[in-house]
Amino acid sequence: MTEPAAHPELDRFIAVMQRLRVECPWDARQTHRSLVHYLVEETCEVVEAIEAGDDTDLREELGDLLLQVVFHATIAAQEGRFDVDEVARGVADKLVARHPWVFSDQGVPDDLNATWEAGKRAEKGRTSSLDGIPERLSALARADKVIARTASHGVPLDLPSELITAEQVGVEVLALVSRARASGIDAEQAVRDALRSVEEDVRRREA
């Protein structure tokens, strides 16, 4: 494995955050919970910068997102739970373990996605293809995740699967949302309700 490069500015950034937690009243009183909406906001702004294709904005927004990661790790370190090095070690160890075809002599598997999901299941002791999908995802993002997970685990769903274009997806989803609104239906909740039925059926079949 190649020798890791030094990152003096990253070390400086961590030191700045540690000092702010001690000397700035606002930073000092923040908690994991009080920072949640900032984390969500900064994540959305990174997505917007990526979609805009602006490197200056992307660099800035990635920095703001990194601030949230280091902020949470600094809080945890002050409480004696874990620090930013443990966060970095954990994700590096996980990536090495989940890529044996890179970090060992194992050959590249035919289905990388299925192999990745199998590794996650083994690590976390998951018993269902649906375990670990965040509840806070939007209905559309959660639907995509549920369909992808069941497909990678060989659990068939009785849903259409014909190919369409990105433009058709956008038009059809907007049309459905418009029809739902005209009918007095909350489209987000309607999708969540439909997903709940799908997930219950999948879990029954997996049991």
Protein backbone atom coordinates (compact mmCIF):
# COMPACT_ATOMS: atom_id res chain seq x y z
CA MET A 1 0.00 0.00 0.00
CA THR A 2 1.36 3.46 -0.87
CA GLU A 3 2.55 5.66 1.99
CA PRO A 4 -0.20 8.10 3.02
CA ALA A 5 0.50 11.76 2.21
CA ALA A 6 0.80 14.36 4.96
CA HIS A 7 -2.15 16.74 5.34
CA PRO A 8 -0.94 19.69 7.46
CA GLU A 9 -3.98 21.85 6.63
CA LEU A 10 -6.33 19.10 7.79
CA ASP A 11 -4.42 18.90 11.08
CA ARG A 12 -4.62 22.71 11.38
CA PHE A 13 -8.36 22.61 10.71
CA ILE A 14 -8.89 20.02 13.48
CA ALA A 15 -6.85 22.16 15.88
CA VAL A 16 -8.94 25.23 14.98
CA MET A 17 -12.15 23.31 15.71
CA GLN A 18 -10.81 22.07 19.04
CA ARG A 19 -9.95 25.65 20.05
CA LEU A 20 -13.36 26.96 18.99
CA ARG A 21 -15.05 24.37 21.21
CA VAL A 22 -13.18 25.82 24.18
CA GLU A 23 -13.05 29.55 23.47
CA CYS A 24 -16.18 30.34 21.41
CA PRO A 25 -19.43 30.34 23.47
CA TRP A 26 -21.61 29.38 20.47
CA ASP A 27 -19.41 26.48 19.38
CA ALA A 28 -18.97 25.33 22.97
CA ARG A 29 -22.70 24.94 23.62
CA GLN A 30 -23.52 22.94 20.49
CA THR A 31 -24.54 19.29 20.71
CA HIS A 32 -24.97 16.51 18.15
CA ARG A 33 -28.70 17.19 18.14
CA SER A 34 -28.42 20.97 17.78
CA LEU A 35 -26.20 20.51 14.72
CA VAL A 36 -28.46 18.08 12.83
CA HIS A 37 -30.17 20.71 10.67
CA TYR A 38 -26.77 22.19 9.73
CA LEU A 39 -25.58 18.76 8.64
CA VAL A 40 -28.65 18.25 6.45
CA GLU A 41 -28.36 21.78 5.01
CA GLU A 42 -24.66 21.45 4.20
CA THR A 43 -25.26 18.07 2.53
CA CYS A 44 -27.92 19.61 0.31
CA GLU A 45 -25.60 22.49 -0.60
CA VAL A 46 -22.88 20.02 -1.65
CA VAL A 47 -25.41 18.33 -3.95
CA GLU A 48 -26.38 21.71 -5.44
CA ALA A 49 -22.71 22.58 -6.06
CA ILE A 50 -22.16 19.23 -7.81
CA GLU A 51 -25.22 19.75 -9.99
CA ALA A 52 -24.07 23.30 -10.86
CA GLY A 53 -20.64 22.00 -11.89
CA ASP A 54 -18.86 24.86 -10.11
CA ASP A 55 -15.53 23.78 -8.58
CA THR A 56 -15.21 26.91 -6.42
CA ASP A 57 -18.61 26.32 -4.85
CA LEU A 58 -17.97 22.59 -4.52
CA ARG A 59 -14.67 23.12 -2.72
CA GLU A 60 -16.34 25.54 -0.30
CA GLU A 61 -19.37 23.34 0.33
CA LEU A 62 -17.22 20.24 0.85
CA GLY A 63 -15.32 22.25 3.45
CA ASP A 64 -18.58 23.16 5.20
CA LEU A 65 -19.60 19.50 5.18
CA LEU A 66 -16.17 18.48 6.52
CA LEU A 67 -16.70 21.03 9.29
CA GLN A 68 -19.79 19.14 10.37
CA VAL A 69 -17.90 15.83 10.47
CA VAL A 70 -15.04 17.30 12.51
CA PHE A 71 -17.46 19.24 14.75
CA HIS A 72 -19.33 16.06 15.70
CA ALA A 73 -16.09 14.13 16.21
CA THR A 74 -14.70 16.93 18.41
CA ILE A 75 -17.83 16.90 20.59
CA ALA A 76 -17.53 13.13 20.97
CA ALA A 77 -13.82 13.42 21.83
CA GLN A 78 -14.53 15.98 24.56
CA GLU A 79 -17.09 13.58 26.02
CA GLY A 80 -14.53 10.76 26.00
CA ARG A 81 -16.41 8.61 23.46
CA PHE A 82 -14.30 8.67 20.26
CA ASP A 83 -12.20 11.13 18.28
CA VAL A 84 -11.68 12.06 14.64
CA ASP A 85 -8.78 9.59 14.29
CA GLU A 86 -11.10 6.76 15.31
CA VAL A 87 -13.66 7.95 12.76
CA ALA A 88 -11.01 7.96 10.01
CA ARG A 89 -9.57 4.61 11.13
CA GLY A 90 -13.00 3.03 11.15
CA VAL A 91 -13.91 4.09 7.63
CA ALA A 92 -10.45 3.20 6.26
CA ASP A 93 -10.61 -0.26 7.85
CA LYS A 94 -14.11 -0.74 6.45
CA LEU A 95 -13.05 0.21 2.93
CA VAL A 96 -10.08 -2.16 3.06
CA ALA A 97 -12.26 -5.02 4.36
CA ARG A 98 -14.93 -4.44 1.69
CA HIS A 99 -12.40 -4.30 -1.18
CA PRO A 100 -10.43 -7.54 -0.89
CA TRP A 101 -9.92 -7.51 -4.68
CA VAL A 102 -7.88 -4.32 -4.19
CA PHE A 103 -6.10 -4.97 -0.88
CA SER A 104 -5.51 -8.73 -1.23
CA ASP A 105 -4.98 -11.33 -3.95
CA GLN A 106 -8.72 -12.00 -4.38
CA GLY A 107 -10.04 -11.56 -7.91
CA VAL A 108 -12.56 -8.91 -8.85
CA PRO A 109 -16.10 -10.33 -8.39
CA ASP A 110 -18.58 -10.33 -11.27
CA ASP A 111 -21.19 -8.40 -9.27
CA LEU A 112 -19.49 -5.68 -7.23
CA ASN A 113 -22.74 -4.30 -5.80
CA ALA A 114 -23.91 -7.69 -4.54
CA THR A 115 -20.49 -8.36 -3.01
CA TRP A 116 -20.53 -4.96 -1.27
CA GLU A 117 -24.01 -5.58 0.17
CA ALA A 118 -23.00 -9.08 1.32
CA GLY A 119 -20.02 -7.57 3.14
CA LYS A 120 -22.27 -5.04 4.88
CA ARG A 121 -24.71 -7.77 5.93
CA ALA A 122 -21.90 -9.88 7.40
CA GLU A 123 -20.38 -6.92 9.29
CA LYS A 124 -23.65 -5.68 10.75
CA GLY A 125 -25.44 -8.98 11.26
CA ARG A 126 -28.34 -7.92 9.06
CA THR A 127 -31.06 -10.49 8.39
CA SER A 128 -33.12 -8.57 5.81
CA SER A 129 -32.23 -6.87 2.56
CA LEU A 130 -34.02 -3.80 3.93
CA ASP A 131 -32.06 -3.47 7.17
CA GLY A 132 -30.07 -0.25 7.49
CA ILE A 133 -32.06 1.92 5.07
CA PRO A 134 -32.39 5.31 6.83
CA GLU A 135 -35.94 6.26 7.80
CA ARG A 136 -35.18 9.96 7.24
CA LEU A 137 -34.59 9.57 3.50
CA SER A 138 -37.13 11.29 1.30
CA ALA A 139 -39.83 8.97 -0.03
CA LEU A 140 -38.32 8.99 -3.52
CA ALA A 141 -34.77 8.29 -2.27
CA ARG A 142 -36.05 5.57 0.03
CA ALA A 143 -38.03 3.96 -2.81
CA ASP A 144 -34.90 3.88 -4.96
CA LYS A 145 -32.93 2.32 -2.09
CA VAL A 146 -35.59 -0.33 -1.37
CA ILE A 147 -35.82 -1.35 -5.04
CA ALA A 148 -32.02 -1.46 -5.42
CA ARG A 149 -31.56 -3.50 -2.24
CA THR A 150 -34.20 -6.08 -3.07
CA ALA A 151 -32.80 -6.44 -6.60
CA SER A 152 -29.24 -7.01 -5.31
CA HIS A 153 -30.56 -9.63 -2.86
CA GLY A 154 -32.61 -11.48 -5.46
CA VAL A 155 -35.98 -10.54 -3.96
CA PRO A 156 -38.37 -9.85 -6.88
CA LEU A 157 -40.90 -7.02 -6.63
CA ASP A 158 -44.13 -6.82 -8.60
CA LEU A 159 -43.28 -3.40 -10.06
CA PRO A 160 -42.77 -2.12 -13.63
CA SER A 161 -39.15 -2.29 -14.83
CA GLU A 162 -39.24 -1.16 -18.46
CA LEU A 163 -36.54 1.32 -19.46
CA ILE A 164 -37.37 5.04 -19.73
CA THR A 165 -35.33 8.23 -20.09
CA ALA A 166 -34.37 10.66 -17.32
CA GLU A 167 -36.59 13.25 -18.98
CA GLN A 168 -39.57 10.88 -18.88
CA VAL A 169 -38.94 10.19 -15.18
CA GLY A 170 -38.96 13.90 -14.38
CA VAL A 171 -42.11 14.59 -16.38
CA GLU A 172 -44.02 11.59 -15.01
CA VAL A 173 -43.07 12.24 -11.37
CA LEU A 174 -44.04 15.92 -11.65
CA ALA A 175 -47.33 14.93 -13.28
CA LEU A 176 -48.09 12.50 -10.44
CA VAL A 177 -47.27 15.13 -7.82
CA SER A 178 -49.55 17.60 -9.59
CA ARG A 179 -52.39 15.07 -9.76
CA ALA A 180 -51.88 14.18 -6.10
CA ARG A 181 -52.01 17.84 -5.07
CA ALA A 182 -55.17 18.40 -7.11
CA SER A 183 -56.70 15.39 -5.36
CA GLY A 184 -55.75 16.61 -1.90
CA ILE A 185 -53.17 13.85 -1.45
CA ASP A 186 -49.74 14.27 0.17
CA ALA A 187 -47.52 12.65 -2.48
CA GLU A 188 -44.60 12.15 -0.06
CA GLN A 189 -46.80 10.33 2.45
CA ALA A 190 -48.54 8.31 -0.25
CA VAL A 191 -45.21 6.94 -1.47
CA ARG A 192 -44.13 6.21 2.11
CA ASP A 193 -47.37 4.29 2.70
CA ALA A 194 -46.91 2.29 -0.49
CA LEU A 195 -43.30 1.55 0.47
CA ARG A 196 -44.37 0.35 3.90
CA SER A 197 -46.61 -2.26 2.26
CA VAL A 198 -43.79 -3.35 -0.06
CA GLU A 199 -41.33 -3.60 2.85
CA GLU A 200 -43.75 -5.62 4.97
CA ASP A 201 -44.24 -8.05 2.08
CA VAL A 202 -40.47 -8.37 1.53
CA ARG A 203 -39.80 -9.04 5.22
CA ARG A 204 -42.55 -11.69 5.29
CA ARG A 205 -40.97 -13.47 2.33
CA GLU A 206 -37.50 -13.25 3.84
CA ALA A 207 -38.58 -14.64 7.22
